């Protein structure tokens, strides 16, 4: 796949019920914790707890899998939002 830097990709389920907008940068998918929660069908707090444990136990360095991007909210204000990168290997989706 050929991509440009900071492309936005929108995925939609075949029935149209679920839509997920993701940031693609150099063939790496970046998701917020809210997007990960939606993707995996879990509460955001579960994702937050899991990520904290991964970083606390040293499985991954937080700065190597996290990026901050500016995001314009519905109120017109710009916020820095944390995104985490994901990769796919042997049928499993990983943070990192």
N, C-alpha and C. Protein backbone atom coordinates (compact mmCIF):
# COMPACT_ATOMS: atom_id res chain seq x y z
N UNK A 1 0.84 -1.17 0.00
CA UNK A 1 0.00 0.00 0.00
C UNK A 1 0.89 1.24 0.00
N UNK A 2 0.60 2.19 -0.83
CA UNK A 2 1.33 3.44 -0.86
C UNK A 2 0.48 4.48 -0.15
N UNK A 3 1.09 5.18 0.82
CA UNK A 3 0.35 6.19 1.57
C UNK A 3 1.16 7.47 1.66
N UNK A 4 0.46 8.54 1.95
CA UNK A 4 1.14 9.80 2.22
C UNK A 4 1.19 9.97 3.73
N UNK A 5 2.04 10.85 4.19
CA UNK A 5 2.14 11.10 5.63
C UNK A 5 0.83 11.64 6.17
N UNK A 6 0.45 11.17 7.34
CA UNK A 6 -0.71 11.66 8.08
C UNK A 6 -2.03 11.53 7.34
N UNK A 7 -2.20 10.48 6.58
CA UNK A 7 -3.48 10.23 5.90
C UNK A 7 -4.52 9.81 6.94
N UNK A 8 -5.75 10.14 6.68
CA UNK A 8 -6.86 9.70 7.52
C UNK A 8 -7.63 8.65 6.73
N UNK A 9 -7.79 7.49 7.33
CA UNK A 9 -8.50 6.38 6.68
C UNK A 9 -9.78 6.13 7.47
N UNK A 10 -10.88 5.94 6.78
CA UNK A 10 -12.16 5.65 7.45
C UNK A 10 -12.56 4.22 7.11
N UNK A 11 -12.72 3.41 8.15
CA UNK A 11 -13.19 2.04 8.00
C UNK A 11 -14.64 1.99 8.43
N UNK A 12 -15.45 1.26 7.67
CA UNK A 12 -16.86 1.11 8.02
C UNK A 12 -17.24 -0.36 7.86
N UNK A 13 -17.98 -0.87 8.84
CA UNK A 13 -18.43 -2.26 8.75
C UNK A 13 -19.39 -2.42 7.58
N UNK A 14 -19.53 -3.64 7.10
CA UNK A 14 -20.37 -3.88 5.92
C UNK A 14 -21.82 -3.48 6.14
N UNK A 15 -22.30 -3.55 7.38
CA UNK A 15 -23.68 -3.16 7.65
C UNK A 15 -23.82 -1.67 7.97
N UNK A 16 -22.66 -0.96 8.00
CA UNK A 16 -22.69 0.48 8.24
C UNK A 16 -22.85 0.86 9.70
N UNK A 17 -22.92 -0.12 10.59
CA UNK A 17 -23.17 0.15 12.00
C UNK A 17 -21.96 0.74 12.72
N UNK A 18 -20.76 0.37 12.31
CA UNK A 18 -19.56 0.85 12.98
C UNK A 18 -18.66 1.56 12.00
N UNK A 19 -18.17 2.70 12.41
CA UNK A 19 -17.23 3.47 11.61
C UNK A 19 -16.06 3.85 12.50
N UNK A 20 -14.86 3.69 11.98
CA UNK A 20 -13.66 4.02 12.75
C UNK A 20 -12.72 4.81 11.86
N UNK A 21 -12.42 6.04 12.25
CA UNK A 21 -11.51 6.89 11.51
C UNK A 21 -10.14 6.79 12.17
N UNK A 22 -9.13 6.42 11.40
CA UNK A 22 -7.80 6.23 11.97
C UNK A 22 -6.77 7.07 11.22
N UNK A 23 -5.69 7.37 11.90
CA UNK A 23 -4.58 8.12 11.33
C UNK A 23 -3.55 7.11 10.83
N UNK A 24 -3.11 7.29 9.59
CA UNK A 24 -2.11 6.41 8.99
C UNK A 24 -0.89 7.25 8.67
N UNK A 25 0.26 6.88 9.23
CA UNK A 25 1.49 7.62 9.02
C UNK A 25 2.62 6.63 8.75
N UNK A 26 3.18 6.67 7.54
CA UNK A 26 4.24 5.74 7.15
C UNK A 26 3.83 4.29 7.37
N UNK A 27 2.63 3.96 6.93
CA UNK A 27 2.08 2.60 7.02
C UNK A 27 1.89 2.11 8.45
N UNK A 28 1.84 3.02 9.41
CA UNK A 28 1.55 2.69 10.81
C UNK A 28 0.20 3.27 11.16
N UNK A 29 -0.67 2.46 11.77
CA UNK A 29 -1.99 2.91 12.19
C UNK A 29 -1.87 3.49 13.60
N UNK A 30 -2.41 4.68 13.79
CA UNK A 30 -2.40 5.35 15.09
C UNK A 30 -3.83 5.52 15.56
N UNK A 31 -4.13 5.05 16.78
CA UNK A 31 -5.47 5.14 17.35
C UNK A 31 -5.41 5.80 18.72
N UNK A 32 -6.48 6.51 19.07
CA UNK A 32 -6.62 7.01 20.43
C UNK A 32 -7.11 5.86 21.32
N UNK A 33 -7.09 6.07 22.62
CA UNK A 33 -7.62 5.04 23.52
C UNK A 33 -9.10 4.82 23.28
N UNK A 34 -9.84 5.87 22.97
CA UNK A 34 -11.27 5.72 22.66
C UNK A 34 -11.46 4.85 21.41
N UNK A 35 -10.64 5.06 20.40
CA UNK A 35 -10.75 4.27 19.18
C UNK A 35 -10.39 2.80 19.45
N UNK A 36 -9.36 2.57 20.28
CA UNK A 36 -9.01 1.19 20.63
C UNK A 36 -10.16 0.53 21.39
N UNK A 37 -10.80 1.27 22.28
CA UNK A 37 -11.93 0.73 23.03
C UNK A 37 -13.05 0.33 22.07
N UNK A 38 -13.33 1.17 21.10
CA UNK A 38 -14.37 0.86 20.11
C UNK A 38 -13.97 -0.35 19.27
N UNK A 39 -12.73 -0.39 18.83
CA UNK A 39 -12.25 -1.48 18.00
C UNK A 39 -12.35 -2.82 18.70
N UNK A 40 -11.95 -2.85 19.98
CA UNK A 40 -11.91 -4.11 20.72
C UNK A 40 -13.18 -4.38 21.53
N UNK A 41 -14.15 -3.45 21.48
CA UNK A 41 -15.40 -3.65 22.20
C UNK A 41 -15.23 -3.64 23.70
N UNK A 42 -14.37 -2.77 24.21
CA UNK A 42 -14.09 -2.66 25.65
C UNK A 42 -14.29 -1.22 26.10
N UNK A 43 -14.39 -1.03 27.39
CA UNK A 43 -14.46 0.32 27.96
C UNK A 43 -13.09 0.97 27.84
N UNK A 44 -13.06 2.30 27.73
CA UNK A 44 -11.80 3.01 27.63
C UNK A 44 -10.93 2.75 28.86
N UNK A 45 -11.53 2.63 30.02
CA UNK A 45 -10.77 2.39 31.26
C UNK A 45 -9.97 1.08 31.18
N UNK A 46 -10.51 0.07 30.49
CA UNK A 46 -9.80 -1.20 30.33
C UNK A 46 -8.56 -1.00 29.46
N UNK A 47 -8.71 -0.23 28.39
CA UNK A 47 -7.58 0.07 27.51
C UNK A 47 -6.52 0.86 28.26
N UNK A 48 -6.95 1.87 29.01
CA UNK A 48 -6.02 2.70 29.79
C UNK A 48 -5.24 1.85 30.78
N UNK A 49 -5.93 0.98 31.49
CA UNK A 49 -5.28 0.11 32.48
C UNK A 49 -4.27 -0.82 31.80
N UNK A 50 -4.65 -1.39 30.68
CA UNK A 50 -3.76 -2.29 29.95
C UNK A 50 -2.49 -1.55 29.49
N UNK A 51 -2.67 -0.36 28.91
CA UNK A 51 -1.52 0.40 28.44
C UNK A 51 -0.60 0.79 29.60
N UNK A 52 -1.19 1.22 30.71
CA UNK A 52 -0.37 1.56 31.89
C UNK A 52 0.48 0.38 32.33
N UNK A 53 -0.13 -0.80 32.36
CA UNK A 53 0.61 -2.01 32.77
C UNK A 53 1.73 -2.35 31.79
N UNK A 54 1.46 -2.22 30.50
CA UNK A 54 2.47 -2.49 29.49
C UNK A 54 3.68 -1.57 29.69
N UNK A 55 3.42 -0.30 29.93
CA UNK A 55 4.51 0.66 30.11
C UNK A 55 5.20 0.48 31.47
N UNK A 56 4.42 0.22 32.51
CA UNK A 56 4.97 0.04 33.86
C UNK A 56 5.91 -1.18 33.91
N UNK A 57 5.51 -2.25 33.25
CA UNK A 57 6.30 -3.49 33.26
C UNK A 57 7.44 -3.46 32.26
N UNK A 58 7.55 -2.39 31.49
CA UNK A 58 8.66 -2.24 30.56
C UNK A 58 8.54 -3.06 29.28
N UNK A 59 7.33 -3.57 28.99
CA UNK A 59 7.14 -4.31 27.74
C UNK A 59 7.39 -3.41 26.53
N UNK A 60 6.99 -2.15 26.66
CA UNK A 60 7.20 -1.16 25.61
C UNK A 60 7.58 0.17 26.25
N UNK A 61 8.35 0.97 25.51
CA UNK A 61 8.64 2.33 25.94
C UNK A 61 7.52 3.23 25.43
N UNK A 62 6.89 3.95 26.33
CA UNK A 62 5.73 4.76 25.95
C UNK A 62 6.04 5.74 24.82
N UNK A 63 7.19 6.39 24.88
CA UNK A 63 7.53 7.38 23.86
C UNK A 63 7.74 6.77 22.49
N UNK A 64 8.00 5.47 22.42
CA UNK A 64 8.22 4.84 21.11
C UNK A 64 6.92 4.42 20.43
N UNK A 65 5.82 4.36 21.16
CA UNK A 65 4.54 3.92 20.57
C UNK A 65 3.44 4.97 20.70
N UNK A 66 3.79 6.14 21.25
CA UNK A 66 2.80 7.19 21.44
C UNK A 66 3.22 8.44 20.69
N UNK A 67 2.24 9.12 20.11
CA UNK A 67 2.48 10.40 19.43
C UNK A 67 1.33 11.34 19.79
N UNK A 68 1.62 12.62 19.77
CA UNK A 68 0.58 13.61 20.03
C UNK A 68 0.32 14.38 18.74
N UNK A 69 -0.95 14.42 18.35
CA UNK A 69 -1.37 15.14 17.16
C UNK A 69 -2.41 16.17 17.56
N UNK A 70 -2.40 17.30 16.87
CA UNK A 70 -3.42 18.32 17.11
C UNK A 70 -4.73 17.84 16.52
N UNK A 71 -5.81 18.07 17.25
CA UNK A 71 -7.15 17.63 16.83
C UNK A 71 -8.11 18.79 17.04
N UNK A 72 -8.88 19.13 16.03
CA UNK A 72 -9.88 20.18 16.17
C UNK A 72 -11.20 19.55 16.57
N UNK A 73 -11.70 19.95 17.71
CA UNK A 73 -12.94 19.39 18.25
C UNK A 73 -14.16 20.09 17.66
N UNK A 74 -15.33 19.56 17.99
CA UNK A 74 -16.59 20.13 17.49
C UNK A 74 -16.77 21.58 17.92
N UNK A 75 -16.16 21.96 19.06
CA UNK A 75 -16.29 23.33 19.54
C UNK A 75 -15.34 24.29 18.83
N UNK A 76 -14.56 23.78 17.85
CA UNK A 76 -13.65 24.61 17.09
C UNK A 76 -12.28 24.81 17.73
N UNK A 77 -12.13 24.32 18.97
CA UNK A 77 -10.85 24.45 19.66
C UNK A 77 -9.91 23.32 19.24
N UNK A 78 -8.63 23.60 19.31
CA UNK A 78 -7.63 22.59 18.95
C UNK A 78 -7.04 21.98 20.22
N UNK A 79 -6.99 20.66 20.25
CA UNK A 79 -6.47 19.93 21.40
C UNK A 79 -5.37 18.98 20.95
N UNK A 80 -4.37 18.75 21.81
CA UNK A 80 -3.38 17.72 21.55
C UNK A 80 -3.95 16.41 22.02
N UNK A 81 -3.99 15.43 21.15
CA UNK A 81 -4.56 14.12 21.46
C UNK A 81 -3.48 13.07 21.33
N UNK A 82 -3.42 12.15 22.30
CA UNK A 82 -2.44 11.07 22.26
C UNK A 82 -2.95 9.93 21.39
N UNK A 83 -2.09 9.46 20.53
CA UNK A 83 -2.38 8.31 19.68
C UNK A 83 -1.34 7.25 19.96
N UNK A 84 -1.73 5.99 19.81
CA UNK A 84 -0.82 4.86 20.00
C UNK A 84 -0.78 4.07 18.70
N UNK A 85 0.41 3.57 18.35
CA UNK A 85 0.49 2.83 17.09
C UNK A 85 0.15 1.36 17.29
N UNK A 86 -0.37 0.76 16.24
CA UNK A 86 -0.78 -0.64 16.25
C UNK A 86 -0.10 -1.36 15.10
N UNK A 87 0.17 -2.62 15.29
CA UNK A 87 0.66 -3.44 14.19
C UNK A 87 0.01 -4.82 14.26
N UNK A 88 -0.01 -5.48 13.11
CA UNK A 88 -0.70 -6.76 12.95
C UNK A 88 0.34 -7.82 12.62
N UNK A 89 0.31 -8.93 13.36
CA UNK A 89 1.26 -10.01 13.10
C UNK A 89 0.59 -11.34 13.41
N UNK A 90 0.63 -12.24 12.45
CA UNK A 90 0.11 -13.60 12.63
C UNK A 90 -1.31 -13.62 13.22
N UNK A 91 -2.18 -12.77 12.70
CA UNK A 91 -3.58 -12.78 13.13
C UNK A 91 -3.86 -12.05 14.42
N UNK A 92 -2.87 -11.34 14.98
CA UNK A 92 -3.06 -10.62 16.23
C UNK A 92 -2.69 -9.16 16.06
N UNK A 93 -3.50 -8.27 16.65
CA UNK A 93 -3.25 -6.84 16.61
C UNK A 93 -2.54 -6.44 17.89
N UNK A 94 -1.42 -5.73 17.77
CA UNK A 94 -0.61 -5.35 18.92
C UNK A 94 -0.46 -3.83 19.00
N UNK A 95 -0.28 -3.31 20.22
CA UNK A 95 0.16 -1.94 20.42
C UNK A 95 1.67 -1.98 20.32
N UNK A 96 2.26 -1.05 19.59
CA UNK A 96 3.70 -1.01 19.52
C UNK A 96 4.16 -1.03 18.13
